[in-house]
């Protein structure tokens, strides 16, 4: 069962975050970033692991608004297809970096949705 450490008010006022919570994703906010924890993925050794998907969290007051960037971050080993081949299509950079206090990531993903080149929500 999923849990959520994001305030109920923020979720209830933000349809995209409410949808994530309703779909039982584990949400956390740290230093202006939305962390979706406990994401299953396959590593190069074809083992199932759990990682964290990270996105900047853009707010208008206490409501999440359209993300300002299409770039996402990942904490964990680099995710792979079922055969252990890296998913290169989304790789932007694989370098450990500190985004903010308490938020250090291992990889940056970039995949602009077409035709808008921007995501409508989280």
PDB file of N, CA and C in Angstrom:
ATOM      1  N   UNK A   1       0.836  -1.174   0.000  1.00  0.00           N
ATOM      2  CA  UNK A   1       0.000   0.000   0.000  1.00  0.00           C
ATOM      3  C   UNK A   1       0.879   1.235   0.000  1.00  0.00           C
ATOM      4  N   UNK A   2       0.472   2.272  -0.768  1.00  0.00           N
ATOM      5  CA  UNK A   2       1.243   3.490  -0.864  1.00  0.00           C
ATOM      6  C   UNK A   2       1.044   4.395   0.337  1.00  0.00           C
ATOM      7  N   UNK A   3       1.980   5.287   0.581  1.00  0.00           N
ATOM      8  CA  UNK A   3       1.861   6.273   1.636  1.00  0.00           C
ATOM      9  C   UNK A   3       2.237   7.607   1.042  1.00  0.00           C
ATOM     10  N   UNK A   4       1.987   8.648   1.738  1.00  0.00           N
ATOM     11  CA  UNK A   4       2.255   9.970   1.217  1.00  0.00           C
ATOM     12  C   UNK A   4       2.642  10.906   2.349  1.00  0.00           C
ATOM     13  N   UNK A   5       3.791  11.574   2.217  1.00  0.00           N
ATOM     14  CA  UNK A   5       4.194  12.523   3.242  1.00  0.00           C
ATOM     15  C   UNK A   5       3.979  13.958   2.772  1.00  0.00           C
ATOM     16  N   UNK A   6       3.240  14.135   1.693  1.00  0.00           N
ATOM     17  CA  UNK A   6       2.903  15.452   1.190  1.00  0.00           C
ATOM     18  C   UNK A   6       1.617  15.878   1.886  1.00  0.00           C
ATOM     19  N   UNK A   7       1.482  17.158   2.192  1.00  0.00           N
ATOM     20  CA  UNK A   7       0.290  17.600   2.903  1.00  0.00           C
ATOM     21  C   UNK A   7      -0.977  17.269   2.126  1.00  0.00           C
ATOM     22  N   UNK A   8      -2.001  16.860   2.845  1.00  0.00           N
ATOM     23  CA  UNK A   8      -3.277  16.506   2.223  1.00  0.00           C
ATOM     24  C   UNK A   8      -3.851  17.701   1.471  1.00  0.00           C
ATOM     25  N   UNK A   9      -3.692  18.911   2.010  1.00  0.00           N
ATOM     26  CA  UNK A   9      -4.231  20.107   1.371  1.00  0.00           C
ATOM     27  C   UNK A   9      -3.584  20.328   0.009  1.00  0.00           C
ATOM     28  N   UNK A  10      -2.259  20.194  -0.073  1.00  0.00           N
ATOM     29  CA  UNK A  10      -1.560  20.354  -1.346  1.00  0.00           C
ATOM     30  C   UNK A  10      -2.055  19.332  -2.356  1.00  0.00           C
ATOM     31  N   UNK A  11      -2.214  18.101  -1.937  1.00  0.00           N
ATOM     32  CA  UNK A  11      -2.694  17.050  -2.837  1.00  0.00           C
ATOM     33  C   UNK A  11      -4.134  17.313  -3.264  1.00  0.00           C
ATOM     34  N   UNK A  12      -5.006  17.612  -2.315  1.00  0.00           N
ATOM     35  CA  UNK A  12      -6.419  17.804  -2.635  1.00  0.00           C
ATOM     36  C   UNK A  12      -6.650  18.986  -3.569  1.00  0.00           C
ATOM     37  N   UNK A  13      -5.792  19.975  -3.521  1.00  0.00           N
ATOM     38  CA  UNK A  13      -5.933  21.154  -4.393  1.00  0.00           C
ATOM     39  C   UNK A  13      -5.179  21.014  -5.713  1.00  0.00           C
ATOM     40  N   UNK A  14      -4.421  19.956  -5.870  1.00  0.00           N
ATOM     41  CA  UNK A  14      -3.596  19.748  -7.065  1.00  0.00           C
ATOM     42  C   UNK A  14      -4.021  18.457  -7.761  1.00  0.00           C
ATOM     43  N   UNK A  15      -4.848  18.556  -8.810  1.00  0.00           N
ATOM     44  CA  UNK A  15      -5.374  17.345  -9.462  1.00  0.00           C
ATOM     45  C   UNK A  15      -4.303  16.338  -9.877  1.00  0.00           C
ATOM     46  N   UNK A  16      -3.163  16.797 -10.376  1.00  0.00           N
ATOM     47  CA  UNK A  16      -2.118  15.862 -10.811  1.00  0.00           C
ATOM     48  C   UNK A  16      -1.547  15.088  -9.631  1.00  0.00           C
ATOM     49  N   UNK A  17      -1.313  15.770  -8.503  1.00  0.00           N
ATOM     50  CA  UNK A  17      -0.787  15.093  -7.325  1.00  0.00           C
ATOM     51  C   UNK A  17      -1.836  14.165  -6.724  1.00  0.00           C
ATOM     52  N   UNK A  18      -3.088  14.589  -6.747  1.00  0.00           N
ATOM     53  CA  UNK A  18      -4.172  13.748  -6.246  1.00  0.00           C
ATOM     54  C   UNK A  18      -4.265  12.461  -7.065  1.00  0.00           C
ATOM     55  N   UNK A  19      -4.107  12.591  -8.375  1.00  0.00           N
ATOM     56  CA  UNK A  19      -4.143  11.401  -9.235  1.00  0.00           C
ATOM     57  C   UNK A  19      -3.002  10.445  -8.881  1.00  0.00           C
ATOM     58  N   UNK A  20      -1.808  10.974  -8.672  1.00  0.00           N
ATOM     59  CA  UNK A  20      -0.678  10.119  -8.282  1.00  0.00           C
ATOM     60  C   UNK A  20      -0.967   9.412  -6.969  1.00  0.00           C
ATOM     61  N   UNK A  21      -1.480  10.158  -5.989  1.00  0.00           N
ATOM     62  CA  UNK A  21      -1.813   9.556  -4.698  1.00  0.00           C
ATOM     63  C   UNK A  21      -2.899   8.499  -4.852  1.00  0.00           C
ATOM     64  N   UNK A  22      -3.938   8.824  -5.638  1.00  0.00           N
ATOM     65  CA  UNK A  22      -5.032   7.876  -5.850  1.00  0.00           C
ATOM     66  C   UNK A  22      -4.556   6.596  -6.540  1.00  0.00           C
ATOM     67  N   UNK A  23      -3.502   6.722  -7.355  1.00  0.00           N
ATOM     68  CA  UNK A  23      -2.921   5.547  -8.018  1.00  0.00           C
ATOM     69  C   UNK A  23      -1.899   4.858  -7.122  1.00  0.00           C
ATOM     70  N   UNK A  24      -1.831   5.277  -5.861  1.00  0.00           N
ATOM     71  CA  UNK A  24      -1.034   4.676  -4.803  1.00  0.00           C
ATOM     72  C   UNK A  24       0.479   4.866  -4.948  1.00  0.00           C
ATOM     73  N   UNK A  25       0.883   5.958  -5.579  1.00  0.00           N
ATOM     74  CA  UNK A  25       2.302   6.296  -5.610  1.00  0.00           C
ATOM     75  C   UNK A  25       2.684   6.933  -4.282  1.00  0.00           C
ATOM     76  N   UNK A  26       3.901   6.675  -3.837  1.00  0.00           N
ATOM     77  CA  UNK A  26       4.437   7.239  -2.603  1.00  0.00           C
ATOM     78  C   UNK A  26       5.048   8.593  -2.935  1.00  0.00           C
ATOM     79  N   UNK A  27       4.498   9.660  -2.374  1.00  0.00           N
ATOM     80  CA  UNK A  27       4.931  11.017  -2.680  1.00  0.00           C
ATOM     81  C   UNK A  27       5.613  11.653  -1.481  1.00  0.00           C
ATOM     82  N   UNK A  28       6.612  12.462  -1.791  1.00  0.00           N
ATOM     83  CA  UNK A  28       7.327  13.198  -0.752  1.00  0.00           C
ATOM     84  C   UNK A  28       7.801  14.511  -1.354  1.00  0.00           C
ATOM     85  N   UNK A  29       7.810  15.569  -0.566  1.00  0.00           N
ATOM     86  CA  UNK A  29       8.350  16.851  -1.015  1.00  0.00           C
ATOM     87  C   UNK A  29       9.565  17.174  -0.167  1.00  0.00           C
ATOM     88  N   UNK A  30      10.660  17.536  -0.876  1.00  0.00           N
ATOM     89  CA  UNK A  30      11.892  17.949  -0.194  1.00  0.00           C
ATOM     90  C   UNK A  30      12.489  19.116  -0.955  1.00  0.00           C
ATOM     91  N   UNK A  31      12.695  20.204  -0.272  1.00  0.00           N
ATOM     92  CA  UNK A  31      13.424  21.360  -0.825  1.00  0.00           C
ATOM     93  C   UNK A  31      12.914  21.779  -2.205  1.00  0.00           C
ATOM     94  N   UNK A  32      11.600  21.801  -2.396  1.00  0.00           N
ATOM     95  CA  UNK A  32      11.030  22.245  -3.667  1.00  0.00           C
ATOM     96  C   UNK A  32      11.003  21.192  -4.759  1.00  0.00           C
ATOM     97  N   UNK A  33      11.221  19.945  -4.402  1.00  0.00           N
ATOM     98  CA  UNK A  33      11.179  18.855  -5.383  1.00  0.00           C
ATOM     99  C   UNK A  33      10.124  17.840  -4.982  1.00  0.00           C
ATOM    100  N   UNK A  34       9.465  17.264  -5.973  1.00  0.00           N
ATOM    101  CA  UNK A  34       8.528  16.171  -5.763  1.00  0.00           C
ATOM    102  C   UNK A  34       9.296  14.874  -5.971  1.00  0.00           C
ATOM    103  N   UNK A  35       9.275  14.009  -4.975  1.00  0.00           N
ATOM    104  CA  UNK A  35       9.924  12.700  -5.069  1.00  0.00           C
ATOM    105  C   UNK A  35       8.843  11.633  -5.084  1.00  0.00           C
ATOM    106  N   UNK A  36       8.879  10.802  -6.111  1.00  0.00           N
ATOM    107  CA  UNK A  36       7.978   9.650  -6.192  1.00  0.00           C
ATOM    108  C   UNK A  36       8.855   8.455  -5.860  1.00  0.00           C
ATOM    109  N   UNK A  37       8.661   7.905  -4.668  1.00  0.00           N
ATOM    110  CA  UNK A  37       9.561   6.881  -4.149  1.00  0.00           C
ATOM    111  C   UNK A  37       9.060   5.480  -4.454  1.00  0.00           C
ATOM    112  N   UNK A  38       9.956   4.529  -4.281  1.00  0.00           N
ATOM    113  CA  UNK A  38       9.608   3.108  -4.401  1.00  0.00           C
ATOM    114  C   UNK A  38       9.170   2.714  -5.811  1.00  0.00           C
ATOM    115  N   UNK A  39       9.821   3.313  -6.824  1.00  0.00           N
ATOM    116  CA  UNK A  39       9.521   3.026  -8.229  1.00  0.00           C
ATOM    117  C   UNK A  39      10.294   1.773  -8.657  1.00  0.00           C
ATOM    118  N   UNK A  40       9.598   0.722  -9.110  1.00  0.00           N
ATOM    119  CA  UNK A  40      10.316  -0.480  -9.553  1.00  0.00           C
ATOM    120  C   UNK A  40      10.998  -0.253 -10.908  1.00  0.00           C
ATOM    121  N   UNK A  41      12.191  -0.804 -11.048  1.00  0.00           N
ATOM    122  CA  UNK A  41      12.914  -0.754 -12.316  1.00  0.00           C
ATOM    123  C   UNK A  41      13.838  -1.964 -12.397  1.00  0.00           C
ATOM    124  N   UNK A  42      14.373  -2.202 -13.573  1.00  0.00           N
ATOM    125  CA  UNK A  42      15.315  -3.296 -13.810  1.00  0.00           C
ATOM    126  C   UNK A  42      16.696  -2.687 -13.998  1.00  0.00           C
ATOM    127  N   UNK A  43      17.727  -3.267 -13.350  1.00  0.00           N
ATOM    128  CA  UNK A  43      19.094  -2.776 -13.530  1.00  0.00           C
ATOM    129  C   UNK A  43      19.814  -3.595 -14.609  1.00  0.00           C
ATOM    130  N   UNK A  44      21.084  -3.293 -14.834  1.00  0.00           N
ATOM    131  CA  UNK A  44      21.862  -3.966 -15.886  1.00  0.00           C
ATOM    132  C   UNK A  44      22.025  -5.458 -15.627  1.00  0.00           C
ATOM    133  N   UNK A  45      21.957  -5.870 -14.366  1.00  0.00           N
ATOM    134  CA  UNK A  45      22.059  -7.291 -14.004  1.00  0.00           C
ATOM    135  C   UNK A  45      20.695  -7.990 -14.102  1.00  0.00           C
ATOM    136  N   UNK A  46      19.700  -7.277 -14.604  1.00  0.00           N
ATOM    137  CA  UNK A  46      18.333  -7.786 -14.790  1.00  0.00           C
ATOM    138  C   UNK A  46      17.646  -8.102 -13.460  1.00  0.00           C
ATOM    139  N   UNK A  47      18.027  -7.344 -12.426  1.00  0.00           N
ATOM    140  CA  UNK A  47      17.411  -7.478 -11.106  1.00  0.00           C
ATOM    141  C   UNK A  47      16.360  -6.384 -10.948  1.00  0.00           C
ATOM    142  N   UNK A  48      15.293  -6.694 -10.257  1.00  0.00           N
ATOM    143  CA  UNK A  48      14.280  -5.687  -9.970  1.00  0.00           C
ATOM    144  C   UNK A  48      14.718  -4.903  -8.751  1.00  0.00           C
ATOM    145  N   UNK A  49      14.803  -3.589  -8.911  1.00  0.00           N
ATOM    146  CA  UNK A  49      15.224  -2.670  -7.848  1.00  0.00           C
ATOM    147  C   UNK A  49      14.132  -1.640  -7.619  1.00  0.00           C
ATOM    148  N   UNK A  50      14.328  -0.783  -6.633  1.00  0.00           N
ATOM    149  CA  UNK A  50      13.407   0.318  -6.337  1.00  0.00           C
ATOM    150  C   UNK A  50      14.194   1.620  -6.362  1.00  0.00           C
ATOM    151  N   UNK A  51      13.677   2.611  -7.069  1.00  0.00           N
ATOM    152  CA  UNK A  51      14.342   3.900  -7.171  1.00  0.00           C
ATOM    153  C   UNK A  51      13.391   5.027  -6.843  1.00  0.00           C
ATOM    154  N   UNK A  52      13.866   6.238  -7.058  1.00  0.00           N
ATOM    155  CA  UNK A  52      13.087   7.435  -6.778  1.00  0.00           C
ATOM    156  C   UNK A  52      13.111   8.331  -8.009  1.00  0.00           C
ATOM    157  N   UNK A  53      11.935   8.705  -8.493  1.00  0.00           N
ATOM    158  CA  UNK A  53      11.800   9.648  -9.596  1.00  0.00           C
ATOM    159  C   UNK A  53      11.627  11.033  -8.984  1.00  0.00           C
ATOM    160  N   UNK A  54      12.404  12.010  -9.451  1.00  0.00           N
ATOM    161  CA  UNK A  54      12.428  13.335  -8.861  1.00  0.00           C
ATOM    162  C   UNK A  54      12.100  14.374  -9.926  1.00  0.00           C
ATOM    163  N   UNK A  55      11.283  15.343  -9.546  1.00  0.00           N
ATOM    164  CA  UNK A  55      10.929  16.443 -10.433  1.00  0.00           C
ATOM    165  C   UNK A  55      10.887  17.714  -9.619  1.00  0.00           C
ATOM    166  N   UNK A  56      11.238  18.835 -10.251  1.00  0.00           N
ATOM    167  CA  UNK A  56      11.033  20.097  -9.539  1.00  0.00           C
ATOM    168  C   UNK A  56       9.525  20.241  -9.334  1.00  0.00           C
ATOM    169  N   UNK A  57       9.120  20.829  -8.231  1.00  0.00           N
ATOM    170  CA  UNK A  57       7.705  21.000  -7.934  1.00  0.00           C
ATOM    171  C   UNK A  57       7.372  22.475  -8.040  1.00  0.00           C
ATOM    172  N   UNK A  58       6.630  22.805  -9.078  1.00  0.00           N
ATOM    173  CA  UNK A  58       6.248  24.189  -9.304  1.00  0.00           C
ATOM    174  C   UNK A  58       4.874  24.428  -8.701  1.00  0.00           C
ATOM    175  N   UNK A  59       4.780  25.475  -7.868  1.00  0.00           N
ATOM    176  CA  UNK A  59       3.547  25.765  -7.143  1.00  0.00           C
ATOM    177  C   UNK A  59       3.086  27.194  -7.397  1.00  0.00           C
ATOM    178  N   UNK A  60       1.767  27.365  -7.365  1.00  0.00           N
ATOM    179  CA  UNK A  60       1.152  28.684  -7.303  1.00  0.00           C
ATOM    180  C   UNK A  60       0.402  28.680  -5.983  1.00  0.00           C
ATOM    181  N   UNK A  61       1.000  29.297  -4.978  1.00  0.00           N
ATOM    182  CA  UNK A  61       0.447  29.192  -3.628  1.00  0.00           C
ATOM    183  C   UNK A  61       0.640  27.777  -3.135  1.00  0.00           C
ATOM    184  N   UNK A  62      -0.465  27.098  -2.859  1.00  0.00           N
ATOM    185  CA  UNK A  62      -0.367  25.703  -2.408  1.00  0.00           C
ATOM    186  C   UNK A  62      -1.002  24.740  -3.406  1.00  0.00           C
ATOM    187  N   UNK A  63      -0.865  25.076  -4.708  1.00  0.00           N
ATOM    188  CA  UNK A  63      -1.385  24.222  -5.776  1.00  0.00           C
ATOM    189  C   UNK A  63      -0.259  23.949  -6.776  1.00  0.00           C
ATOM    190  N   UNK A  64      -0.061  22.676  -7.109  1.00  0.00           N
ATOM    191  CA  UNK A  64       0.930  22.327  -8.131  1.00  0.00           C
ATOM    192  C   UNK A  64       0.439  22.808  -9.487  1.00  0.00           C
ATOM    193  N   UNK A  65       1.325  23.451 -10.238  1.00  0.00           N
ATOM    194  CA  UNK A  65       0.990  23.967 -11.567  1.00  0.00           C
ATOM    195  C   UNK A  65       1.785  23.206 -12.619  1.00  0.00           C
ATOM    196  N   UNK A  66       1.619  23.576 -13.865  1.00  0.00           N
ATOM    197  CA  UNK A  66       2.319  22.913 -14.967  1.00  0.00           C
ATOM    198  C   UNK A  66       3.822  22.932 -14.695  1.00  0.00           C
ATOM    199  N   UNK A  67       4.480  21.771 -14.801  1.00  0.00           N
ATOM    200  CA  UNK A  67       5.934  21.732 -14.566  1.00  0.00           C
ATOM    201  C   UNK A  67       6.680  22.680 -15.502  1.00  0.00           C
ATOM    202  N   UNK A  68       7.675  23.364 -14.953  1.00  0.00           N
ATOM    203  CA  UNK A  68       8.446  24.311 -15.741  1.00  0.00           C
ATOM    204  C   UNK A  68       9.505  23.677 -16.624  1.00  0.00           C
ATOM    205  N   UNK A  69       9.713  22.369 -16.473  1.00  0.00           N
ATOM    206  CA  UNK A  69      10.726  21.677 -17.271  1.00  0.00           C
ATOM    207  C   UNK A  69      10.265  20.260 -17.589  1.00  0.00           C
ATOM    208  N   UNK A  70      10.770  19.751 -18.691  1.00  0.00           N
ATOM    209  CA  UNK A  70      10.474  18.359 -19.054  1.00  0.00           C
ATOM    210  C   UNK A  70      11.530  17.407 -18.480  1.00  0.00           C
ATOM    211  N   UNK A  71      12.559  17.942 -17.860  1.00  0.00           N
ATOM    212  CA  UNK A  71      13.657  17.132 -17.335  1.00  0.00           C
ATOM    213  C   UNK A  71      13.250  16.512 -15.999  1.00  0.00           C
ATOM    214  N   UNK A  72      13.555  15.232 -15.839  1.00  0.00           N
ATOM    215  CA  UNK A  72      13.303  14.523 -14.583  1.00  0.00           C
ATOM    216  C   UNK A  72      14.619  13.937 -14.099  1.00  0.00           C
ATOM    217  N   UNK A  73      14.656  13.578 -12.837  1.00  0.00           N
ATOM    218  CA  UNK A  73      15.856  13.018 -12.212  1.00  0.00           C
ATOM    219  C   UNK A  73      15.519  11.653 -11.629  1.00  0.00           C
ATOM    220  N   UNK A  74      16.566  10.853 -11.407  1.00  0.00           N
ATOM    221  CA  UNK A  74      16.354   9.513 -10.865  1.00  0.00           C
ATOM    222  C   UNK A  74      17.427   9.201  -9.843  1.00  0.00           C
ATOM    223  N   UNK A  75      17.007   8.596  -8.746  1.00  0.00           N
ATOM    224  CA  UNK A  75      17.929   8.128  -7.715  1.00  0.00           C
ATOM    225  C   UNK A  75      17.923   6.607  -7.766  1.00  0.00           C
ATOM    226  N   UNK A  76      19.066   6.023  -8.065  1.00  0.00           N
ATOM    227  CA  UNK A  76      19.201   4.574  -8.185  1.00  0.00           C
ATOM    228  C   UNK A  76      20.165   4.240  -9.305  1.00  0.00           C
ATOM    229  N   UNK A  77      20.289   2.959  -9.607  1.00  0.00           N
ATOM    230  CA  UNK A  77      21.096   2.545 -10.740  1.00  0.00           C
ATOM    231  C   UNK A  77      20.370   2.962 -12.012  1.00  0.00           C
ATOM    232  N   UNK A  78      21.069   2.937 -13.148  1.00  0.00           N
ATOM    233  CA  UNK A  78      20.404   3.352 -14.383  1.00  0.00           C
ATOM    234  C   UNK A  78      19.369   2.297 -14.784  1.00  0.00           C
ATOM    235  N   UNK A  79      18.141   2.708 -15.074  1.00  0.00           N
ATOM    236  CA  UNK A  79      17.088   1.750 -15.437  1.00  0.00           C
ATOM    237  C   UNK A  79      17.324   1.133 -16.814  1.00  0.00           C
ATOM    238  N   UNK A  80      16.914  -0.127 -16.925  1.00  0.00           N
ATOM    239  CA  UNK A  80      17.142  -0.905 -18.140  1.00  0.00           C
ATOM    240  C   UNK A  80      15.867  -1.598 -18.598  1.00  0.00           C
ATOM    241  N   UNK A  81      15.912  -2.051 -19.835  1.00  0.00           N
ATOM    242  CA  UNK A  81      14.852  -2.921 -20.339  1.00  0.00           C
ATOM    243  C   UNK A  81      14.975  -4.275 -19.643  1.00  0.00           C
ATOM    244  N   UNK A  82      14.023  -5.153 -19.862  1.00  0.00           N
ATOM    245  CA  UNK A  82      14.003  -6.464 -19.184  1.00  0.00           C
ATOM    246  C   UNK A  82      15.259  -7.292 -19.449  1.00  0.00           C
ATOM    247  N   UNK A  83      15.943  -7.034 -20.583  1.00  0.00           N
ATOM    248  CA  UNK A  83      17.141  -7.804 -20.915  1.00  0.00           C
ATOM    249  C   UNK A  83      18.430  -7.208 -20.349  1.00  0.00           C
ATOM    250  N   UNK A  84      18.309  -6.122 -19.589  1.00  0.00           N
ATOM    251  CA  UNK A  84      19.483  -5.496 -18.982  1.00  0.00           C
ATOM    252  C   UNK A  84      20.112  -4.413 -19.836  1.00  0.00           C
ATOM    253  N   UNK A  85      19.535  -4.095 -20.991  1.00  0.00           N
ATOM    254  CA  UNK A  85      20.038  -3.044 -21.863  1.00  0.00           C
ATOM    255  C   UNK A  85      19.539  -1.694 -21.357  1.00  0.00           C
ATOM    256  N   UNK A  86      20.443  -0.747 -21.178  1.00  0.00           N
ATOM    257  CA  UNK A  86      20.074   0.577 -20.666  1.00  0.00           C
ATOM    258  C   UNK A  86      19.049   1.252 -21.565  1.00  0.00           C
ATOM    259  N   UNK A  87      18.119   1.968 -20.969  1.00  0.00           N
ATOM    260  CA  UNK A  87      17.113   2.727 -21.720  1.00  0.00           C
ATOM    261  C   UNK A  87      17.756   4.060 -22.109  1.00  0.00           C
ATOM    262  N   UNK A  88      18.520   4.031 -23.191  1.00  0.00           N
ATOM    263  CA  UNK A  88      19.291   5.199 -23.618  1.00  0.00           C
ATOM    264  C   UNK A  88      18.421   6.315 -24.175  1.00  0.00           C
ATOM    265  N   UNK A  89      17.252   5.984 -24.647  1.00  0.00           N
ATOM    266  CA  UNK A  89      16.357   6.938 -25.283  1.00  0.00           C
ATOM    267  C   UNK A  89      16.049   8.143 -24.382  1.00  0.00           C
ATOM    268  N   UNK A  90      16.072   7.946 -23.068  1.00  0.00           N
ATOM    269  CA  UNK A  90      15.733   9.032 -22.150  1.00  0.00           C
ATOM    270  C   UNK A  90      16.943   9.603 -21.407  1.00  0.00           C
ATOM    271  N   UNK A  91      18.111   8.976 -21.582  1.00  0.00           N
ATOM    272  CA  UNK A  91      19.293   9.422 -20.819  1.00  0.00           C
ATOM    273  C   UNK A  91      19.720  10.818 -21.258  1.00  0.00           C
ATOM    274  N   UNK A  92      19.876  11.671 -20.269  1.00  0.00           N
ATOM    275  CA  UNK A  92      20.432  12.993 -20.504  1.00  0.00           C
ATOM    276  C   UNK A  92      21.834  13.019 -19.935  1.00  0.00           C
ATOM    277  N   UNK A  93      21.950  12.593 -18.670  1.00  0.00           N
ATOM    278  CA  UNK A  93      23.240  12.620 -17.986  1.00  0.00           C
ATOM    279  C   UNK A  93      23.216  11.618 -16.840  1.00  0.00           C
ATOM    280  N   UNK A  94      24.338  10.977 -16.612  1.00  0.00           N
ATOM    281  CA  UNK A  94      24.460  10.068 -15.472  1.00  0.00           C
ATOM    282  C   UNK A  94      25.639  10.525 -14.627  1.00  0.00           C
ATOM    283  N   UNK A  95      25.366  11.452 -13.748  1.00  0.00           N
ATOM    284  CA  UNK A  95      26.357  12.023 -12.846  1.00  0.00           C
ATOM    285  C   UNK A  95      25.671  12.311 -11.524  1.00  0.00           C
ATOM    286  N   UNK A  96      26.273  11.885 -10.437  1.00  0.00           N
ATOM    287  CA  UNK A  96      25.705  12.167  -9.110  1.00  0.00           C
ATOM    288  C   UNK A  96      25.744  13.673  -8.898  1.00  0.00           C
ATOM    289  N   UNK A  97      24.600  14.252  -8.549  1.00  0.00           N
ATOM    290  CA  UNK A  97      24.561  15.690  -8.310  1.00  0.00           C
ATOM    291  C   UNK A  97      23.586  16.032  -7.191  1.00  0.00           C
ATOM    292  N   UNK A  98      23.933  17.066  -6.473  1.00  0.00           N
ATOM    293  CA  UNK A  98      23.092  17.548  -5.381  1.00  0.00           C
ATOM    294  C   UNK A  98      22.211  18.659  -5.931  1.00  0.00           C
ATOM    295  N   UNK A  99      20.882  18.437  -5.910  1.00  0.00           N
ATOM    296  CA  UNK A  99      19.945  19.441  -6.390  1.00  0.00           C
ATOM    297  C   UNK A  99      19.593  20.439  -5.289  1.00  0.00           C
ATOM    298  N   UNK A 100      19.519  19.932  -4.061  1.00  0.00           N
ATOM    299  CA  UNK A 100      19.174  20.751  -2.896  1.00  0.00           C
ATOM    300  C   UNK A 100      19.519  19.942  -1.652  1.00  0.00           C
ATOM    301  N   UNK A 101      19.393  20.560  -0.500  1.00  0.00           N
ATOM    302  CA  UNK A 101      19.646  19.844   0.742  1.00  0.00           C
ATOM    303  C   UNK A 101      18.702  18.651   0.845  1.00  0.00           C
ATOM    304  N   UNK A 102      19.277  17.445   0.960  1.00  0.00           N
ATOM    305  CA  UNK A 102      18.476  16.228   1.071  1.00  0.00           C
ATOM    306  C   UNK A 102      18.008  15.653  -0.254  1.00  0.00           C
ATOM    307  N   UNK A 103      18.464  16.234  -1.372  1.00  0.00           N
ATOM    308  CA  UNK A 103      18.056  15.724  -2.689  1.00  0.00           C
ATOM    309  C   UNK A 103      19.296  15.563  -3.567  1.00  0.00           C
ATOM    310  N   UNK A 104      19.825  14.333  -3.596  1.00  0.00           N
ATOM    311  CA  UNK A 104      20.959  14.001  -4.458  1.00  0.00           C
ATOM    312  C   UNK A 104      20.513  12.944  -5.438  1.00  0.00           C
ATOM    313  N   UNK A 105      20.763  13.179  -6.730  1.00  0.00           N
ATOM    314  CA  UNK A 105      20.280  12.284  -7.781  1.00  0.00           C
ATOM    315  C   UNK A 105      21.456  11.657  -8.524  1.00  0.00           C
ATOM    316  N   UNK A 106      21.163  10.567  -9.221  1.00  0.00           N
ATOM    317  CA  UNK A 106      22.195   9.838  -9.968  1.00  0.00           C
ATOM    318  C   UNK A 106      22.105  10.045 -11.477  1.00  0.00           C
ATOM    319  N   UNK A 107      20.893  10.315 -11.977  1.00  0.00           N
ATOM    320  CA  UNK A 107      20.687  10.405 -13.423  1.00  0.00           C
ATOM    321  C   UNK A 107      19.693  11.506 -13.760  1.00  0.00           C
ATOM    322  N   UNK A 108      19.831  12.046 -14.961  1.00  0.00           N
ATOM    323  CA  UNK A 108      18.890  13.027 -15.493  1.00  0.00           C
ATOM    324  C   UNK A 108      18.272  12.434 -16.745  1.00  0.00           C
ATOM    325  N   UNK A 109      16.930  12.517 -16.824  1.00  0.00           N
ATOM    326  CA  UNK A 109      16.199  12.018 -17.980  1.00  0.00           C
ATOM    327  C   UNK A 109      15.613  13.198 -18.754  1.00  0.00           C
ATOM    328  N   UNK A 110      15.561  13.045 -20.056  1.00  0.00           N
ATOM    329  CA  UNK A 110      14.955  14.059 -20.902  1.00  0.00           C
ATOM    330  C   UNK A 110      14.195  13.367 -22.019  1.00  0.00           C
ATOM    331  N   UNK A 111      12.912  13.644 -22.091  1.00  0.00           N
ATOM    332  CA  UNK A 111      12.071  13.100 -23.166  1.00  0.00           C
ATOM    333  C   UNK A 111      10.928  14.075 -23.380  1.00  0.00           C
ATOM    334  N   UNK A 112      11.095  14.983 -24.317  1.00  0.00           N
ATOM    335  CA  UNK A 112      10.070  15.992 -24.562  1.00  0.00           C
ATOM    336  C   UNK A 112       8.862  15.354 -25.242  1.00  0.00           C
ATOM    337  N   UNK A 113       7.692  15.542 -24.645  1.00  0.00           N
ATOM    338  CA  UNK A 113       6.487  15.018 -25.297  1.00  0.00           C
ATOM    339  C   UNK A 113       6.154  15.857 -26.530  1.00  0.00           C
ATOM    340  N   UNK A 114       5.742  15.221 -27.575  1.00  0.00           N
ATOM    341  CA  UNK A 114       5.397  15.908 -28.815  1.00  0.00           C
ATOM    342  C   UNK A 114       3.890  16.058 -28.910  1.00  0.00           C
ATOM    343  N   UNK A 115       3.387  17.083 -29.499  1.00  0.00           N
ATOM    344  CA  UNK A 115       4.107  18.165 -30.192  1.00  0.00           C
ATOM    345  C   UNK A 115       4.461  19.344 -29.303  1.00  0.00           C
ATOM    346  N   UNK A 116       4.029  19.366 -28.048  1.00  0.00           N
ATOM    347  CA  UNK A 116       4.167  20.567 -27.213  1.00  0.00           C
ATOM    348  C   UNK A 116       5.559  20.787 -26.618  1.00  0.00           C
ATOM    349  N   UNK A 117       6.364  19.731 -26.516  1.00  0.00           N
ATOM    350  CA  UNK A 117       7.676  19.792 -25.866  1.00  0.00           C
ATOM    351  C   UNK A 117       7.572  20.107 -24.371  1.00  0.00           C
ATOM    352  N   UNK A 118       6.384  19.942 -23.794  1.00  0.00           N
ATOM    353  CA  UNK A 118       6.188  20.210 -22.356  1.00  0.00           C
ATOM    354  C   UNK A 118       5.131  19.255 -21.816  1.00  0.00           C
ATOM    355  N   UNK A 119       5.260  18.911 -20.545  1.00  0.00           N
ATOM    356  CA  UNK A 119       4.265  18.075 -19.885  1.00  0.00           C
ATOM    357  C   UNK A 119       3.154  18.962 -19.330  1.00  0.00           C
ATOM    358  N   UNK A 120       1.920  18.490 -19.432  1.00  0.00           N
ATOM    359  CA  UNK A 120       0.781  19.259 -18.937  1.00  0.00           C
ATOM    360  C   UNK A 120       0.673  19.212 -17.424  1.00  0.00           C
ATOM    361  N   UNK A 121       1.151  18.115 -16.813  1.00  0.00           N
ATOM    362  CA  UNK A 121       1.092  17.971 -15.361  1.00  0.00           C
ATOM    363  C   UNK A 121       2.102  16.931 -14.913  1.00  0.00           C
ATOM    364  N   UNK A 122       2.054  16.612 -13.637  1.00  0.00           N
ATOM    365  CA  UNK A 122       3.001  15.666 -13.087  1.00  0.00           C
ATOM    366  C   UNK A 122       2.601  14.231 -13.333  1.00  0.00           C
TER     367      UNK A 122
END
